Amino acid sequence: MPEQQPTRGTPQPPRGPNALVRAERLLQIAFILPAAVIVGWLIGEALDRWLHQHWIYIVGIIVGCIAGFMDVIRIISVNTQDNQDRS
């Protein structure tokens, strides 16, 4: 059976090493957000124990969320710019 040729204007999925690099960039998003929250929680918990408080871990979680979202937005904007540059 002959292979079907793609019609003009149909976007093709990227192939080769560039596709793997782009997939890895997007896969980072799945790990960055939870990791940032966990790191913020751990730092807040350590400060709670050191300063004998019981509320600083909440600030750590919030700061971790903010840092994670900022990094996710940075990754998405870089990926979007790469896609626009290739078009």
PDB file of N, CA and C in Angstrom:
ATOM      1  N   MET A   1       0.834  -1.160   0.000  1.00  0.00           N
ATOM      2  CA  MET A   1       0.000   0.000   0.000  1.00  0.00           C
ATOM      3  C   MET A   1       0.894   1.244   0.000  1.00  0.00           C
ATOM      4  N   PRO A   2       0.653   2.174  -0.888  1.00  0.00           N
ATOM      5  CA  PRO A   2       1.493   3.373  -0.910  1.00  0.00           C
ATOM      6  C   PRO A   2       1.182   4.273   0.282  1.00  0.00           C
ATOM      7  N   GLU A   3       2.229   4.989   0.735  1.00  0.00           N
ATOM      8  CA  GLU A   3       2.042   5.932   1.845  1.00  0.00           C
ATOM      9  C   GLU A   3       1.249   7.135   1.371  1.00  0.00           C
ATOM     10  N   GLN A   4       0.423   7.639   2.239  1.00  0.00           N
ATOM     11  CA  GLN A   4      -0.332   8.829   1.895  1.00  0.00           C
ATOM     12  C   GLN A   4       0.541  10.047   2.086  1.00  0.00           C
ATOM     13  N   GLN A   5       0.553  10.895   1.125  1.00  0.00           N
ATOM     14  CA  GLN A   5       1.321  12.128   1.208  1.00  0.00           C
ATOM     15  C   GLN A   5       0.486  13.174   1.940  1.00  0.00           C
ATOM     16  N   PRO A   6       1.107  13.925   2.860  1.00  0.00           N
ATOM     17  CA  PRO A   6       0.345  14.955   3.569  1.00  0.00           C
ATOM     18  C   PRO A   6      -0.065  16.071   2.621  1.00  0.00           C
ATOM     19  N   THR A   7      -1.234  16.586   2.842  1.00  0.00           N
ATOM     20  CA  THR A   7      -1.696  17.700   2.032  1.00  0.00           C
ATOM     21  C   THR A   7      -1.013  18.971   2.486  1.00  0.00           C
ATOM     22  N   ARG A   8      -0.970  19.926   1.618  1.00  0.00           N
ATOM     23  CA  ARG A   8      -0.345  21.205   1.962  1.00  0.00           C
ATOM     24  C   ARG A   8      -1.142  21.907   3.040  1.00  0.00           C
ATOM     25  N   GLY A   9      -0.429  22.552   3.931  1.00  0.00           N
ATOM     26  CA  GLY A   9      -1.079  23.288   5.005  1.00  0.00           C
ATOM     27  C   GLY A   9      -1.365  22.449   6.231  1.00  0.00           C
ATOM     28  N   THR A  10      -1.135  21.140   6.130  1.00  0.00           N
ATOM     29  CA  THR A  10      -1.353  20.273   7.279  1.00  0.00           C
ATOM     30  C   THR A  10      -0.076  20.254   8.114  1.00  0.00           C
ATOM     31  N   PRO A  11      -0.159  20.674   9.375  1.00  0.00           N
ATOM     32  CA  PRO A  11       1.059  20.672  10.186  1.00  0.00           C
ATOM     33  C   PRO A  11       1.505  19.240  10.476  1.00  0.00           C
ATOM     34  N   GLN A  12       2.792  19.021  10.343  1.00  0.00           N
ATOM     35  CA  GLN A  12       3.368  17.714  10.606  1.00  0.00           C
ATOM     36  C   GLN A  12       3.965  17.692  12.003  1.00  0.00           C
ATOM     37  N   PRO A  13       3.840  16.587  12.705  1.00  0.00           N
ATOM     38  CA  PRO A  13       4.476  16.502  14.018  1.00  0.00           C
ATOM     39  C   PRO A  13       5.990  16.552  13.842  1.00  0.00           C
ATOM     40  N   PRO A  14       6.686  17.243  14.758  1.00  0.00           N
ATOM     41  CA  PRO A  14       8.131  17.323  14.628  1.00  0.00           C
ATOM     42  C   PRO A  14       8.772  15.948  14.826  1.00  0.00           C
ATOM     43  N   ARG A  15       9.852  15.720  14.125  1.00  0.00           N
ATOM     44  CA  ARG A  15      10.556  14.449  14.228  1.00  0.00           C
ATOM     45  C   ARG A  15      12.025  14.714  14.521  1.00  0.00           C
ATOM     46  N   GLY A  16      12.680  13.705  15.046  1.00  0.00           N
ATOM     47  CA  GLY A  16      14.112  13.804  15.291  1.00  0.00           C
ATOM     48  C   GLY A  16      14.431  14.358  16.661  1.00  0.00           C
ATOM     49  N   PRO A  17      15.690  14.755  16.848  1.00  0.00           N
ATOM     50  CA  PRO A  17      16.129  15.224  18.174  1.00  0.00           C
ATOM     51  C   PRO A  17      15.422  16.498  18.629  1.00  0.00           C
ATOM     52  N   ASN A  18      15.046  17.360  17.708  1.00  0.00           N
ATOM     53  CA  ASN A  18      14.347  18.584  18.097  1.00  0.00           C
ATOM     54  C   ASN A  18      13.008  18.271  18.759  1.00  0.00           C
ATOM     55  N   ALA A  19      12.349  17.240  18.286  1.00  0.00           N
ATOM     56  CA  ALA A  19      11.063  16.846  18.889  1.00  0.00           C
ATOM     57  C   ALA A  19      11.270  16.344  20.310  1.00  0.00           C
ATOM     58  N   LEU A  20      12.351  15.615  20.536  1.00  0.00           N
ATOM     59  CA  LEU A  20      12.626  15.121  21.884  1.00  0.00           C
ATOM     60  C   LEU A  20      12.969  16.259  22.834  1.00  0.00           C
ATOM     61  N   VAL A  21      13.693  17.246  22.351  1.00  0.00           N
ATOM     62  CA  VAL A  21      14.030  18.405  23.185  1.00  0.00           C
ATOM     63  C   VAL A  21      12.767  19.168  23.554  1.00  0.00           C
ATOM     64  N   ARG A  22      11.879  19.362  22.597  1.00  0.00           N
ATOM     65  CA  ARG A  22      10.633  20.077  22.885  1.00  0.00           C
ATOM     66  C   ARG A  22       9.759  19.282  23.848  1.00  0.00           C
ATOM     67  N   ALA A  23       9.714  17.969  23.680  1.00  0.00           N
ATOM     68  CA  ALA A  23       8.918  17.136  24.581  1.00  0.00           C
ATOM     69  C   ALA A  23       9.487  17.188  25.993  1.00  0.00           C
ATOM     70  N   GLU A  24      10.796  17.213  26.109  1.00  0.00           N
ATOM     71  CA  GLU A  24      11.438  17.282  27.424  1.00  0.00           C
ATOM     72  C   GLU A  24      11.130  18.606  28.105  1.00  0.00           C
ATOM     73  N   ARG A  25      11.122  19.679  27.347  1.00  0.00           N
ATOM     74  CA  ARG A  25      10.784  20.993  27.921  1.00  0.00           C
ATOM     75  C   ARG A  25       9.380  20.985  28.502  1.00  0.00           C
ATOM     76  N   LEU A  26       8.448  20.397  27.770  1.00  0.00           N
ATOM     77  CA  LEU A  26       7.071  20.366  28.252  1.00  0.00           C
ATOM     78  C   LEU A  26       6.891  19.367  29.396  1.00  0.00           C
ATOM     79  N   LEU A  27       7.704  18.324  29.410  1.00  0.00           N
ATOM     80  CA  LEU A  27       7.629  17.352  30.496  1.00  0.00           C
ATOM     81  C   LEU A  27       8.110  17.966  31.808  1.00  0.00           C
ATOM     82  N   GLN A  28       8.967  18.969  31.722  1.00  0.00           N
ATOM     83  CA  GLN A  28       9.445  19.649  32.924  1.00  0.00           C
ATOM     84  C   GLN A  28       8.291  20.243  33.725  1.00  0.00           C
ATOM     85  N   ILE A  29       7.258  20.678  33.046  1.00  0.00           N
ATOM     86  CA  ILE A  29       6.125  21.314  33.713  1.00  0.00           C
ATOM     87  C   ILE A  29       5.501  20.358  34.736  1.00  0.00           C
ATOM     88  N   ALA A  30       5.449  19.083  34.400  1.00  0.00           N
ATOM     89  CA  ALA A  30       4.840  18.107  35.299  1.00  0.00           C
ATOM     90  C   ALA A  30       5.633  17.935  36.585  1.00  0.00           C
ATOM     91  N   PHE A  31       6.916  18.251  36.555  1.00  0.00           N
ATOM     92  CA  PHE A  31       7.759  18.068  37.726  1.00  0.00           C
ATOM     93  C   PHE A  31       8.043  19.360  38.477  1.00  0.00           C
ATOM     94  N   ILE A  32       8.066  20.484  37.790  1.00  0.00           N
ATOM     95  CA  ILE A  32       8.472  21.740  38.415  1.00  0.00           C
ATOM     96  C   ILE A  32       7.457  22.216  39.443  1.00  0.00           C
ATOM     97  N   LEU A  33       6.195  22.204  39.095  1.00  0.00           N
ATOM     98  CA  LEU A  33       5.180  22.738  40.004  1.00  0.00           C
ATOM     99  C   LEU A  33       5.102  21.961  41.317  1.00  0.00           C
ATOM    100  N   PRO A  34       4.987  20.637  41.305  1.00  0.00           N
ATOM    101  CA  PRO A  34       4.969  19.926  42.589  1.00  0.00           C
ATOM    102  C   PRO A  34       6.287  20.043  43.349  1.00  0.00           C
ATOM    103  N   ALA A  35       7.404  20.053  42.629  1.00  0.00           N
ATOM    104  CA  ALA A  35       8.699  20.170  43.300  1.00  0.00           C
ATOM    105  C   ALA A  35       8.841  21.522  43.986  1.00  0.00           C
ATOM    106  N   ALA A  36       8.382  22.582  43.351  1.00  0.00           N
ATOM    107  CA  ALA A  36       8.463  23.912  43.957  1.00  0.00           C
ATOM    108  C   ALA A  36       7.608  23.985  45.218  1.00  0.00           C
ATOM    109  N   VAL A  37       6.432  23.403  45.185  1.00  0.00           N
ATOM    110  CA  VAL A  37       5.557  23.412  46.358  1.00  0.00           C
ATOM    111  C   VAL A  37       6.182  22.600  47.500  1.00  0.00           C
ATOM    112  N   ILE A  38       6.747  21.454  47.177  1.00  0.00           N
ATOM    113  CA  ILE A  38       7.367  20.623  48.219  1.00  0.00           C
ATOM    114  C   ILE A  38       8.575  21.327  48.828  1.00  0.00           C
ATOM    115  N   VAL A  39       9.405  21.960  47.999  1.00  0.00           N
ATOM    116  CA  VAL A  39      10.571  22.683  48.519  1.00  0.00           C
ATOM    117  C   VAL A  39      10.125  23.847  49.403  1.00  0.00           C
ATOM    118  N   GLY A  40       9.105  24.583  48.972  1.00  0.00           N
ATOM    119  CA  GLY A  40       8.584  25.669  49.794  1.00  0.00           C
ATOM    120  C   GLY A  40       8.044  25.173  51.118  1.00  0.00           C
ATOM    121  N   TRP A  41       7.330  24.050  51.088  1.00  0.00           N
ATOM    122  CA  TRP A  41       6.802  23.466  52.320  1.00  0.00           C
ATOM    123  C   TRP A  41       7.925  23.038  53.259  1.00  0.00           C
ATOM    124  N   LEU A  42       8.951  22.391  52.715  1.00  0.00           N
ATOM    125  CA  LEU A  42      10.069  21.930  53.548  1.00  0.00           C
ATOM    126  C   LEU A  42      10.825  23.097  54.186  1.00  0.00           C
ATOM    127  N   ILE A  43      11.049  24.151  53.418  1.00  0.00           N
ATOM    128  CA  ILE A  43      11.727  25.326  53.977  1.00  0.00           C
ATOM    129  C   ILE A  43      10.856  25.970  55.047  1.00  0.00           C
ATOM    130  N   GLY A  44       9.553  26.086  54.783  1.00  0.00           N
ATOM    131  CA  GLY A  44       8.644  26.644  55.779  1.00  0.00           C
ATOM    132  C   GLY A  44       8.572  25.797  57.040  1.00  0.00           C
ATOM    133  N   GLU A  45       8.571  24.494  56.877  1.00  0.00           N
ATOM    134  CA  GLU A  45       8.541  23.600  58.034  1.00  0.00           C
ATOM    135  C   GLU A  45       9.820  23.724  58.857  1.00  0.00           C
ATOM    136  N   ALA A  46      10.954  23.843  58.170  1.00  0.00           N
ATOM    137  CA  ALA A  46      12.224  24.025  58.887  1.00  0.00           C
ATOM    138  C   ALA A  46      12.236  25.346  59.655  1.00  0.00           C
ATOM    139  N   LEU A  47      11.715  26.394  59.039  1.00  0.00           N
ATOM    140  CA  LEU A  47      11.636  27.686  59.736  1.00  0.00           C
ATOM    141  C   LEU A  47      10.662  27.612  60.912  1.00  0.00           C
ATOM    142  N   ASP A  48       9.578  26.875  60.760  1.00  0.00           N
ATOM    143  CA  ASP A  48       8.637  26.686  61.869  1.00  0.00           C
ATOM    144  C   ASP A  48       9.323  26.052  63.072  1.00  0.00           C
ATOM    145  N   ARG A  49      10.081  25.012  62.815  1.00  0.00           N
ATOM    146  CA  ARG A  49      10.770  24.334  63.920  1.00  0.00           C
ATOM    147  C   ARG A  49      11.842  25.214  64.543  1.00  0.00           C
ATOM    148  N   TRP A  50      12.565  25.961  63.702  1.00  0.00           N
ATOM    149  CA  TRP A  50      13.653  26.807  64.197  1.00  0.00           C
ATOM    150  C   TRP A  50      13.127  27.990  65.008  1.00  0.00           C
ATOM    151  N   LEU A  51      12.035  28.589  64.531  1.00  0.00           N
ATOM    152  CA  LEU A  51      11.484  29.780  65.175  1.00  0.00           C
ATOM    153  C   LEU A  51      10.334  29.460  66.131  1.00  0.00           C
ATOM    154  N   HIS A  52      10.003  28.183  66.307  1.00  0.00           N
ATOM    155  CA  HIS A  52       8.931  27.737  67.207  1.00  0.00           C
ATOM    156  C   HIS A  52       7.597  28.399  66.862  1.00  0.00           C
ATOM    157  N   GLN A  53       7.263  28.338  65.595  1.00  0.00           N
ATOM    158  CA  GLN A  53       5.994  28.870  65.107  1.00  0.00           C
ATOM    159  C   GLN A  53       5.211  27.728  64.474  1.00  0.00           C
ATOM    160  N   HIS A  54       3.980  28.009  64.055  1.00  0.00           N
ATOM    161  CA  HIS A  54       3.147  26.977  63.451  1.00  0.00           C
ATOM    162  C   HIS A  54       2.434  27.475  62.191  1.00  0.00           C
ATOM    163  N   TRP A  55       2.899  28.540  61.587  1.00  0.00           N
ATOM    164  CA  TRP A  55       2.215  29.090  60.434  1.00  0.00           C
ATOM    165  C   TRP A  55       3.145  29.378  59.257  1.00  0.00           C
ATOM    166  N   ILE A  56       4.433  29.318  59.447  1.00  0.00           N
ATOM    167  CA  ILE A  56       5.362  29.706  58.390  1.00  0.00           C
ATOM    168  C   ILE A  56       5.338  28.715  57.227  1.00  0.00           C
ATOM    169  N   TYR A  57       4.999  27.467  57.490  1.00  0.00           N
ATOM    170  CA  TYR A  57       4.952  26.490  56.398  1.00  0.00           C
ATOM    171  C   TYR A  57       3.916  26.879  55.351  1.00  0.00           C
ATOM    172  N   ILE A  58       2.841  27.561  55.784  1.00  0.00           N
ATOM    173  CA  ILE A  58       1.818  28.013  54.827  1.00  0.00           C
ATOM    174  C   ILE A  58       2.407  29.051  53.885  1.00  0.00           C
ATOM    175  N   VAL A  59       3.203  29.954  54.416  1.00  0.00           N
ATOM    176  CA  VAL A  59       3.878  30.953  53.577  1.00  0.00           C
ATOM    177  C   VAL A  59       4.836  30.247  52.614  1.00  0.00           C
ATOM    178  N   GLY A  60       5.529  29.225  53.096  1.00  0.00           N
ATOM    179  CA  GLY A  60       6.423  28.463  52.229  1.00  0.00           C
ATOM    180  C   GLY A  60       5.694  27.792  51.085  1.00  0.00           C
ATOM    181  N   ILE A  61       4.519  27.246  51.370  1.00  0.00           N
ATOM    182  CA  ILE A  61       3.722  26.610  50.318  1.00  0.00           C
ATOM    183  C   ILE A  61       3.273  27.648  49.294  1.00  0.00           C
ATOM    184  N   ILE A  62       2.837  28.810  49.764  1.00  0.00           N
ATOM    185  CA  ILE A  62       2.381  29.863  48.848  1.00  0.00           C
ATOM    186  C   ILE A  62       3.533  30.362  47.988  1.00  0.00           C
ATOM    187  N   VAL A  63       4.689  30.591  48.608  1.00  0.00           N
ATOM    188  CA  VAL A  63       5.854  31.047  47.846  1.00  0.00           C
ATOM    189  C   VAL A  63       6.279  29.971  46.841  1.00  0.00           C
ATOM    190  N   GLY A  64       6.213  28.699  47.233  1.00  0.00           N
ATOM    191  CA  GLY A  64       6.530  27.612  46.315  1.00  0.00           C
ATOM    192  C   GLY A  64       5.573  27.568  45.131  1.00  0.00           C
ATOM    193  N   CYS A  65       4.288  27.779  45.393  1.00  0.00           N
ATOM    194  CA  CYS A  65       3.301  27.819  44.298  1.00  0.00           C
ATOM    195  C   CYS A  65       3.595  28.952  43.329  1.00  0.00           C
ATOM    196  N   ILE A  66       3.879  30.119  43.875  1.00  0.00           N
ATOM    197  CA  ILE A  66       4.174  31.274  43.030  1.00  0.00           C
ATOM    198  C   ILE A  66       5.425  31.023  42.195  1.00  0.00           C
ATOM    199  N   ALA A  67       6.473  30.496  42.830  1.00  0.00           N
ATOM    200  CA  ALA A  67       7.709  30.205  42.096  1.00  0.00           C
ATOM    201  C   ALA A  67       7.473  29.153  41.023  1.00  0.00           C
ATOM    202  N   GLY A  68       6.687  28.131  41.338  1.00  0.00           N
ATOM    203  CA  GLY A  68       6.389  27.093  40.357  1.00  0.00           C
ATOM    204  C   GLY A  68       5.615  27.623  39.167  1.00  0.00           C
ATOM    205  N   PHE A  69       4.588  28.435  39.432  1.00  0.00           N
ATOM    206  CA  PHE A  69       3.809  29.009  38.333  1.00  0.00           C
ATOM    207  C   PHE A  69       4.646  29.948  37.476  1.00  0.00           C
ATOM    208  N   MET A  70       5.530  30.711  38.108  1.00  0.00           N
ATOM    209  CA  MET A  70       6.396  31.601  37.329  1.00  0.00           C
ATOM    210  C   MET A  70       7.304  30.793  36.409  1.00  0.00           C
ATOM    211  N   ASP A  71       7.822  29.695  36.892  1.00  0.00           N
ATOM    212  CA  ASP A  71       8.689  28.868  36.067  1.00  0.00           C
ATOM    213  C   ASP A  71       7.898  28.187  34.951  1.00  0.00           C
ATOM    214  N   VAL A  72       6.685  27.737  35.242  1.00  0.00           N
ATOM    215  CA  VAL A  72       5.841  27.134  34.215  1.00  0.00           C
ATOM    216  C   VAL A  72       5.532  28.149  33.123  1.00  0.00           C
ATOM    217  N   ILE A  73       5.205  29.369  33.506  1.00  0.00           N
ATOM    218  CA  ILE A  73       4.921  30.421  32.523  1.00  0.00           C
ATOM    219  C   ILE A  73       6.158  30.714  31.689  1.00  0.00           C
ATOM    220  N   ARG A  74       7.338  30.719  32.317  1.00  0.00           N
ATOM    221  CA  ARG A  74       8.581  30.956  31.586  1.00  0.00           C
ATOM    222  C   ARG A  74       8.818  29.844  30.566  1.00  0.00           C
ATOM    223  N   ILE A  75       8.622  28.607  30.949  1.00  0.00           N
ATOM    224  CA  ILE A  75       8.836  27.480  30.033  1.00  0.00           C
ATOM    225  C   ILE A  75       7.853  27.545  28.864  1.00  0.00           C
ATOM    226  N   ILE A  76       6.594  27.841  29.159  1.00  0.00           N
ATOM    227  CA  ILE A  76       5.589  27.914  28.095  1.00  0.00           C
ATOM    228  C   ILE A  76       5.891  29.057  27.140  1.00  0.00           C
ATOM    229  N   SER A  77       6.312  30.206  27.654  1.00  0.00           N
ATOM    230  CA  SER A  77       6.601  31.334  26.766  1.00  0.00           C
ATOM    231  C   SER A  77       7.818  31.050  25.890  1.00  0.00           C
ATOM    232  N   VAL A  78       8.834  30.388  26.434  1.00  0.00           N
ATOM    233  CA  VAL A  78      10.006  30.029  25.622  1.00  0.00           C
ATOM    234  C   VAL A  78       9.601  29.029  24.555  1.00  0.00           C
ATOM    235  N   ASN A  79       8.776  28.051  24.907  1.00  0.00           N
ATOM    236  CA  ASN A  79       8.325  27.061  23.936  1.00  0.00           C
ATOM    237  C   ASN A  79       7.457  27.694  22.850  1.00  0.00           C
ATOM    238  N   THR A  80       6.624  28.639  23.237  1.00  0.00           N
ATOM    239  CA  THR A  80       5.785  29.322  22.264  1.00  0.00           C
ATOM    240  C   THR A  80       6.627  30.157  21.308  1.00  0.00           C
ATOM    241  N   GLN A  81       7.635  30.831  21.832  1.00  0.00           N
ATOM    242  CA  GLN A  81       8.525  31.631  20.974  1.00  0.00           C
ATOM    243  C   GLN A  81       9.278  30.734  20.007  1.00  0.00           C
ATOM    244  N   ASP A  82       9.721  29.559  20.466  1.00  0.00           N
ATOM    245  CA  ASP A  82      10.403  28.628  19.564  1.00  0.00           C
ATOM    246  C   ASP A  82       9.471  28.181  18.441  1.00  0.00           C
ATOM    247  N   ASN A  83       8.213  27.915  18.772  1.00  0.00           N
ATOM    248  CA  ASN A  83       7.243  27.493  17.764  1.00  0.00           C
ATOM    249  C   ASN A  83       6.996  28.612  16.749  1.00  0.00           C
ATOM    250  N   GLN A  84       6.916  29.850  17.205  1.00  0.00           N
ATOM    251  CA  GLN A  84       6.685  30.962  16.302  1.00  0.00           C
ATOM    252  C   GLN A  84       7.896  31.236  15.433  1.00  0.00           C
ATOM    253  N   ASP A  85       9.083  31.045  15.960  1.00  0.00           N
ATOM    254  CA  ASP A  85      10.300  31.247  15.186  1.00  0.00           C
ATOM    255  C   ASP A  85      10.433  30.225  14.055  1.00  0.00           C
ATOM    256  N   ARG A  86       9.941  29.015  14.294  1.00  0.00           N
ATOM    257  CA  ARG A  86      10.041  27.956  13.280  1.00  0.00           C
ATOM    258  C   ARG A  86       8.977  28.086  12.212  1.00  0.00           C
ATOM    259  N   SER A  87       7.908  28.825  12.495  1.00  0.00           N
ATOM    260  CA  SER A  87       6.814  28.959  11.508  1.00  0.00           C
ATOM    261  C   SER A  87       7.181  29.920  10.409  1.00  0.00           C
TER     262      SER A  87
END
